[in-house]
Amino acid sequence: MKINDSVICAGFGGQGIMTLGKVMAEAGMESGFEVTWLPSYGAEVRGGTAHSMVRISSERIASPIVYKANTAIMMNSPSLDKFEDRIEKGGLLIINTSMTSRKSKRKDIDIIEAPLTDEAIVMGNVRVANMIALGIYAAKKGILKKEVLLNCVDKMTGGREELKEINTRAIEWGMKFVD
């Protein structure tokens, strides 16, 4: 099967945007795909805007830059405003309704709205909203398998069992949200 997914992940600094992109890219590599991850650090700090671009492909990737995305994960309103028009027709938009004040204006894309931040708070750690989004992405796109994602989470948490457990639950919640 030919895979070529270009993803833009965006939100406030502190929402785990870089971690989301990095885990996505790591899982893509572990799955045998060609992968690029391009974080945008600039002046972003906790509370400022941040974004990362991920490309996952079964073929060589010419550039890490994502001009038009097949998928966008928008964690807040400013990110939705900035990147909504950069999603290809027929693409996927995942919106964190906990932190967005409007719905998408697009009618030519698949849209999944989920209260990512609210659900993460219910789980006990607001910082796992990004992993809920990753679970939704994985279930909807079918590119990254659950076992691979959980292996990447295990590496990411460095053996800290409490972090591994909550991140695992977050990914699983996101995957079930799509069912």
C-alpha atoms as a PDB file:
ATOM      1  CA  MET A   1       0.000   0.000   0.000  1.00  0.00           C
ATOM      2  CA  LYS A   2       1.320   3.424  -0.965  1.00  0.00           C
ATOM      3  CA  ILE A   3       1.440   5.898   1.937  1.00  0.00           C
ATOM      4  CA  ASN A   4       2.060   9.630   1.668  1.00  0.00           C
ATOM      5  CA  ASP A   5       0.668  11.646   4.563  1.00  0.00           C
ATOM      6  CA  SER A   6       1.645  15.241   5.281  1.00  0.00           C
ATOM      7  CA  VAL A   7       0.592  16.481   8.720  1.00  0.00           C
ATOM      8  CA  ILE A   8       0.549  19.879  10.400  1.00  0.00           C
ATOM      9  CA  CYS A   9       0.224  19.833  14.197  1.00  0.00           C
ATOM     10  CA  ALA A  10      -0.376  23.239  15.785  1.00  0.00           C
ATOM     11  CA  GLY A  11      -1.304  24.830  19.091  1.00  0.00           C
ATOM     12  CA  PHE A  12       0.018  26.856  22.012  1.00  0.00           C
ATOM     13  CA  GLY A  13       3.478  26.216  23.376  1.00  0.00           C
ATOM     14  CA  GLY A  14       3.046  23.785  26.266  1.00  0.00           C
ATOM     15  CA  GLN A  15       0.338  21.700  24.561  1.00  0.00           C
ATOM     16  CA  GLY A  16       2.848  19.073  23.477  1.00  0.00           C
ATOM     17  CA  ILE A  17       2.853  19.953  19.786  1.00  0.00           C
ATOM     18  CA  MET A  18       6.516  19.045  19.348  1.00  0.00           C
ATOM     19  CA  THR A  19       6.065  15.817  21.295  1.00  0.00           C
ATOM     20  CA  LEU A  20       3.014  14.924  19.194  1.00  0.00           C
ATOM     21  CA  GLY A  21       4.979  15.358  15.972  1.00  0.00           C
ATOM     22  CA  LYS A  22       8.024  13.573  17.333  1.00  0.00           C
ATOM     23  CA  VAL A  23       6.053  10.511  18.514  1.00  0.00           C
ATOM     24  CA  MET A  24       4.199  10.422  15.194  1.00  0.00           C
ATOM     25  CA  ALA A  25       7.507  10.518  13.296  1.00  0.00           C
ATOM     26  CA  GLU A  26       9.126   7.918  15.566  1.00  0.00           C
ATOM     27  CA  ALA A  27       6.164   5.573  15.084  1.00  0.00           C
ATOM     28  CA  GLY A  28       6.386   6.105  11.331  1.00  0.00           C
ATOM     29  CA  MET A  29      10.077   5.143  11.366  1.00  0.00           C
ATOM     30  CA  GLU A  30       9.405   2.083  13.521  1.00  0.00           C
ATOM     31  CA  SER A  31       6.736   1.099  11.001  1.00  0.00           C
ATOM     32  CA  GLY A  32       9.300   1.148   8.202  1.00  0.00           C
ATOM     33  CA  PHE A  33       8.232   4.383   6.504  1.00  0.00           C
ATOM     34  CA  GLU A  34      10.302   7.301   5.315  1.00  0.00           C
ATOM     35  CA  VAL A  35       9.696  10.152   7.755  1.00  0.00           C
ATOM     36  CA  THR A  36      10.477  13.814   8.302  1.00  0.00           C
ATOM     37  CA  TRP A  37       9.689  15.937  11.359  1.00  0.00           C
ATOM     38  CA  LEU A  38      10.093  19.692  11.144  1.00  0.00           C
ATOM     39  CA  PRO A  39       9.454  21.517  14.423  1.00  0.00           C
ATOM     40  CA  SER A  40       8.902  25.265  14.507  1.00  0.00           C
ATOM     41  CA  TYR A  41      10.545  26.609  17.616  1.00  0.00           C
ATOM     42  CA  GLY A  42      11.191  30.260  16.770  1.00  0.00           C
ATOM     43  CA  ALA A  43       9.941  32.472  19.586  1.00  0.00           C
ATOM     44  CA  GLU A  44       7.464  29.855  20.785  1.00  0.00           C
ATOM     45  CA  VAL A  45       7.348  29.308  24.514  1.00  0.00           C
ATOM     46  CA  ARG A  46       4.644  28.099  26.853  1.00  0.00           C
ATOM     47  CA  GLY A  47       1.584  30.108  25.867  1.00  0.00           C
ATOM     48  CA  GLY A  48       2.888  31.223  22.446  1.00  0.00           C
ATOM     49  CA  THR A  49       2.054  29.455  19.196  1.00  0.00           C
ATOM     50  CA  ALA A  50       3.909  26.371  18.035  1.00  0.00           C
ATOM     51  CA  HIS A  51       3.658  23.964  15.134  1.00  0.00           C
ATOM     52  CA  SER A  52       5.416  20.974  13.669  1.00  0.00           C
ATOM     53  CA  MET A  53       5.210  19.296  10.294  1.00  0.00           C
ATOM     54  CA  VAL A  54       5.417  15.541   9.849  1.00  0.00           C
ATOM     55  CA  ARG A  55       5.620  13.591   6.626  1.00  0.00           C
ATOM     56  CA  ILE A  56       5.142   9.824   6.552  1.00  0.00           C
ATOM     57  CA  SER A  57       5.652   8.076   3.239  1.00  0.00           C
ATOM     58  CA  SER A  58       6.313   4.692   1.709  1.00  0.00           C
ATOM     59  CA  GLU A  59       8.618   6.487  -0.748  1.00  0.00           C
ATOM     60  CA  ARG A  60      11.494   8.940  -0.426  1.00  0.00           C
ATOM     61  CA  ILE A  61      10.536  12.396   0.810  1.00  0.00           C
ATOM     62  CA  ALA A  62      11.926  15.352  -1.123  1.00  0.00           C
ATOM     63  CA  SER A  63      11.231  18.063   1.456  1.00  0.00           C
ATOM     64  CA  PRO A  64      10.162  18.172   5.101  1.00  0.00           C
ATOM     65  CA  ILE A  65       8.072  21.287   4.502  1.00  0.00           C
ATOM     66  CA  VAL A  66       4.312  20.768   4.348  1.00  0.00           C
ATOM     67  CA  TYR A  67       2.710  23.391   2.126  1.00  0.00           C
ATOM     68  CA  LYS A  68      -0.583  21.536   1.783  1.00  0.00           C
ATOM     69  CA  ALA A  69      -1.446  18.988   4.455  1.00  0.00           C
ATOM     70  CA  ASN A  70      -3.427  15.779   4.105  1.00  0.00           C
ATOM     71  CA  THR A  71      -4.028  16.006   7.855  1.00  0.00           C
ATOM     72  CA  ALA A  72      -4.069  18.856  10.376  1.00  0.00           C
ATOM     73  CA  ILE A  73      -4.354  18.614  14.145  1.00  0.00           C
ATOM     74  CA  MET A  74      -5.405  21.988  15.536  1.00  0.00           C
ATOM     75  CA  MET A  75      -5.221  22.369  19.299  1.00  0.00           C
ATOM     76  CA  ASN A  76      -6.495  25.984  19.539  1.00  0.00           C
ATOM     77  CA  SER A  77      -8.280  28.784  17.669  1.00  0.00           C
ATOM     78  CA  PRO A  78      -5.219  30.730  16.453  1.00  0.00           C
ATOM     79  CA  SER A  79      -3.853  27.531  14.898  1.00  0.00           C
ATOM     80  CA  LEU A  80      -7.169  26.772  13.211  1.00  0.00           C
ATOM     81  CA  ASP A  81      -7.222  30.324  11.826  1.00  0.00           C
ATOM     82  CA  LYS A  82      -3.651  30.033  10.550  1.00  0.00           C
ATOM     83  CA  PHE A  83      -3.630  26.531   9.028  1.00  0.00           C
ATOM     84  CA  GLU A  84      -7.225  25.665   8.076  1.00  0.00           C
ATOM     85  CA  ASP A  85      -6.746  26.763   4.463  1.00  0.00           C
ATOM     86  CA  ARG A  86      -3.589  24.644   4.106  1.00  0.00           C
ATOM     87  CA  ILE A  87      -5.495  21.340   4.221  1.00  0.00           C
ATOM     88  CA  GLU A  88      -5.972  19.607   0.874  1.00  0.00           C
ATOM     89  CA  LYS A  89      -9.475  18.917  -0.389  1.00  0.00           C
ATOM     90  CA  GLY A  90     -10.550  15.560   1.006  1.00  0.00           C
ATOM     91  CA  GLY A  91      -8.067  15.889   3.883  1.00  0.00           C
ATOM     92  CA  LEU A  92      -8.597  15.365   7.604  1.00  0.00           C
ATOM     93  CA  LEU A  93      -8.904  18.077  10.250  1.00  0.00           C
ATOM     94  CA  ILE A  94      -8.855  17.160  13.943  1.00  0.00           C
ATOM     95  CA  ILE A  95     -10.027  20.058  16.121  1.00  0.00           C
ATOM     96  CA  ASN A  96      -9.617  20.378  19.890  1.00  0.00           C
ATOM     97  CA  THR A  97     -13.049  21.808  20.719  1.00  0.00           C
ATOM     98  CA  SER A  98     -11.915  22.544  24.288  1.00  0.00           C
ATOM     99  CA  MET A  99      -9.661  25.321  22.993  1.00  0.00           C
ATOM    100  CA  THR A 100     -11.344  26.523  19.798  1.00  0.00           C
ATOM    101  CA  SER A 101     -14.044  29.156  19.664  1.00  0.00           C
ATOM    102  CA  ARG A 102     -15.443  28.297  16.238  1.00  0.00           C
ATOM    103  CA  LYS A 103     -16.166  25.450  13.880  1.00  0.00           C
ATOM    104  CA  SER A 104     -14.274  24.903  10.657  1.00  0.00           C
ATOM    105  CA  LYS A 105     -15.530  26.824   7.653  1.00  0.00           C
ATOM    106  CA  ARG A 106     -14.411  24.015   5.318  1.00  0.00           C
ATOM    107  CA  LYS A 107     -16.984  21.736   3.675  1.00  0.00           C
ATOM    108  CA  ASP A 108     -14.554  19.800   1.467  1.00  0.00           C
ATOM    109  CA  ILE A 109     -12.628  17.952   4.204  1.00  0.00           C
ATOM    110  CA  ASP A 110     -13.310  15.328   6.867  1.00  0.00           C
ATOM    111  CA  ILE A 111     -13.564  16.992  10.284  1.00  0.00           C
ATOM    112  CA  ILE A 112     -13.310  15.319  13.681  1.00  0.00           C
ATOM    113  CA  GLU A 113     -14.137  17.537  16.638  1.00  0.00           C
ATOM    114  CA  ALA A 114     -13.129  16.310  20.088  1.00  0.00           C
ATOM    115  CA  PRO A 115     -12.799  17.922  23.535  1.00  0.00           C
ATOM    116  CA  LEU A 116      -9.148  16.921  23.833  1.00  0.00           C
ATOM    117  CA  THR A 117      -8.131  19.236  26.672  1.00  0.00           C
ATOM    118  CA  ASP A 118     -11.302  18.593  28.685  1.00  0.00           C
ATOM    119  CA  GLU A 119     -10.857  14.837  28.361  1.00  0.00           C
ATOM    120  CA  ALA A 120      -7.185  15.052  29.329  1.00  0.00           C
ATOM    121  CA  ILE A 121      -8.181  16.954  32.478  1.00  0.00           C
ATOM    122  CA  VAL A 122     -10.724  14.242  33.312  1.00  0.00           C
ATOM    123  CA  MET A 123      -7.930  11.671  32.867  1.00  0.00           C
ATOM    124  CA  GLY A 124      -5.860  13.570  35.399  1.00  0.00           C
ATOM    125  CA  ASN A 125      -3.201  15.243  33.238  1.00  0.00           C
ATOM    126  CA  VAL A 126      -3.963  18.105  30.850  1.00  0.00           C
ATOM    127  CA  ARG A 127      -0.688  17.375  29.065  1.00  0.00           C
ATOM    128  CA  VAL A 128      -2.008  14.189  27.394  1.00  0.00           C
ATOM    129  CA  ALA A 129      -4.449  16.014  25.099  1.00  0.00           C
ATOM    130  CA  ASN A 130      -1.824  15.618  22.374  1.00  0.00           C
ATOM    131  CA  MET A 131      -1.776  11.830  22.805  1.00  0.00           C
ATOM    132  CA  ILE A 132      -5.580  11.720  22.558  1.00  0.00           C
ATOM    133  CA  ALA A 133      -5.210  13.549  19.235  1.00  0.00           C
ATOM    134  CA  LEU A 134      -2.563  11.020  18.175  1.00  0.00           C
ATOM    135  CA  GLY A 135      -4.959   8.160  18.954  1.00  0.00           C
ATOM    136  CA  ILE A 136      -7.666   9.799  16.841  1.00  0.00           C
ATOM    137  CA  TYR A 137      -5.190  10.291  13.991  1.00  0.00           C
ATOM    138  CA  ALA A 138      -3.986   6.679  14.175  1.00  0.00           C
ATOM    139  CA  ALA A 139      -7.487   5.211  14.224  1.00  0.00           C
ATOM    140  CA  LYS A 140      -8.782   7.412  11.415  1.00  0.00           C
ATOM    141  CA  LYS A 141      -5.804   7.160   9.051  1.00  0.00           C
ATOM    142  CA  GLY A 142      -4.777   3.548   9.721  1.00  0.00           C
ATOM    143  CA  ILE A 143      -1.094   4.286   9.050  1.00  0.00           C
ATOM    144  CA  LEU A 144       0.316   3.887  12.563  1.00  0.00           C
ATOM    145  CA  LYS A 145      -0.555   0.784  14.573  1.00  0.00           C
ATOM    146  CA  LYS A 146      -1.465   0.895  18.250  1.00  0.00           C
ATOM    147  CA  GLU A 147       1.364  -1.441  19.309  1.00  0.00           C
ATOM    148  CA  VAL A 148       3.955   0.756  17.604  1.00  0.00           C
ATOM    149  CA  LEU A 149       2.538   3.915  19.190  1.00  0.00           C
ATOM    150  CA  LEU A 150       2.582   2.341  22.636  1.00  0.00           C
ATOM    151  CA  ASN A 151       6.180   1.220  22.123  1.00  0.00           C
ATOM    152  CA  CYS A 152       7.109   4.817  21.239  1.00  0.00           C
ATOM    153  CA  VAL A 153       5.279   6.072  24.350  1.00  0.00           C
ATOM    154  CA  ASP A 154       7.249   3.580  26.439  1.00  0.00           C
ATOM    155  CA  LYS A 155      10.516   5.006  25.052  1.00  0.00           C
ATOM    156  CA  MET A 156       9.311   8.590  25.405  1.00  0.00           C
ATOM    157  CA  THR A 157       8.415   8.200  29.082  1.00  0.00           C
ATOM    158  CA  GLY A 158      11.780   6.696  29.952  1.00  0.00           C
ATOM    159  CA  GLY A 159      10.380   3.923  32.126  1.00  0.00           C
ATOM    160  CA  ARG A 160       8.248   6.221  34.302  1.00  0.00           C
ATOM    161  CA  GLU A 161       5.273   3.927  34.752  1.00  0.00           C
ATOM    162  CA  GLU A 162       2.734   6.633  35.708  1.00  0.00           C
ATOM    163  CA  LEU A 163       3.514   8.625  32.539  1.00  0.00           C
ATOM    164  CA  LYS A 164       3.457   5.522  30.373  1.00  0.00           C
ATOM    165  CA  GLU A 165       0.069   4.495  31.801  1.00  0.00           C
ATOM    166  CA  ILE A 166      -1.691   7.852  31.307  1.00  0.00           C
ATOM    167  CA  ASN A 167      -0.257   8.365  27.807  1.00  0.00           C
ATOM    168  CA  THR A 168      -1.351   4.840  26.874  1.00  0.00           C
ATOM    169  CA  ARG A 169      -4.869   5.537  28.158  1.00  0.00           C
ATOM    170  CA  ALA A 170      -4.933   8.799  26.195  1.00  0.00           C
ATOM    171  CA  ILE A 171      -3.985   7.108  22.917  1.00  0.00           C
ATOM    172  CA  GLU A 172      -6.555   4.379  23.533  1.00  0.00           C
ATOM    173  CA  TRP A 173      -9.277   6.953  24.311  1.00  0.00           C
ATOM    174  CA  GLY A 174      -8.489   8.740  21.040  1.00  0.00           C
ATOM    175  CA  MET A 175      -8.651   5.501  19.073  1.00  0.00           C
ATOM    176  CA  LYS A 176     -12.030   4.605  20.621  1.00  0.00           C
ATOM    177  CA  PHE A 177     -13.358   8.103  19.864  1.00  0.00           C
ATOM    178  CA  VAL A 178     -13.185   7.313  16.151  1.00  0.00           C
ATOM    179  CA  ASP A 179     -15.027   3.959  16.439  1.00  0.00           C
END
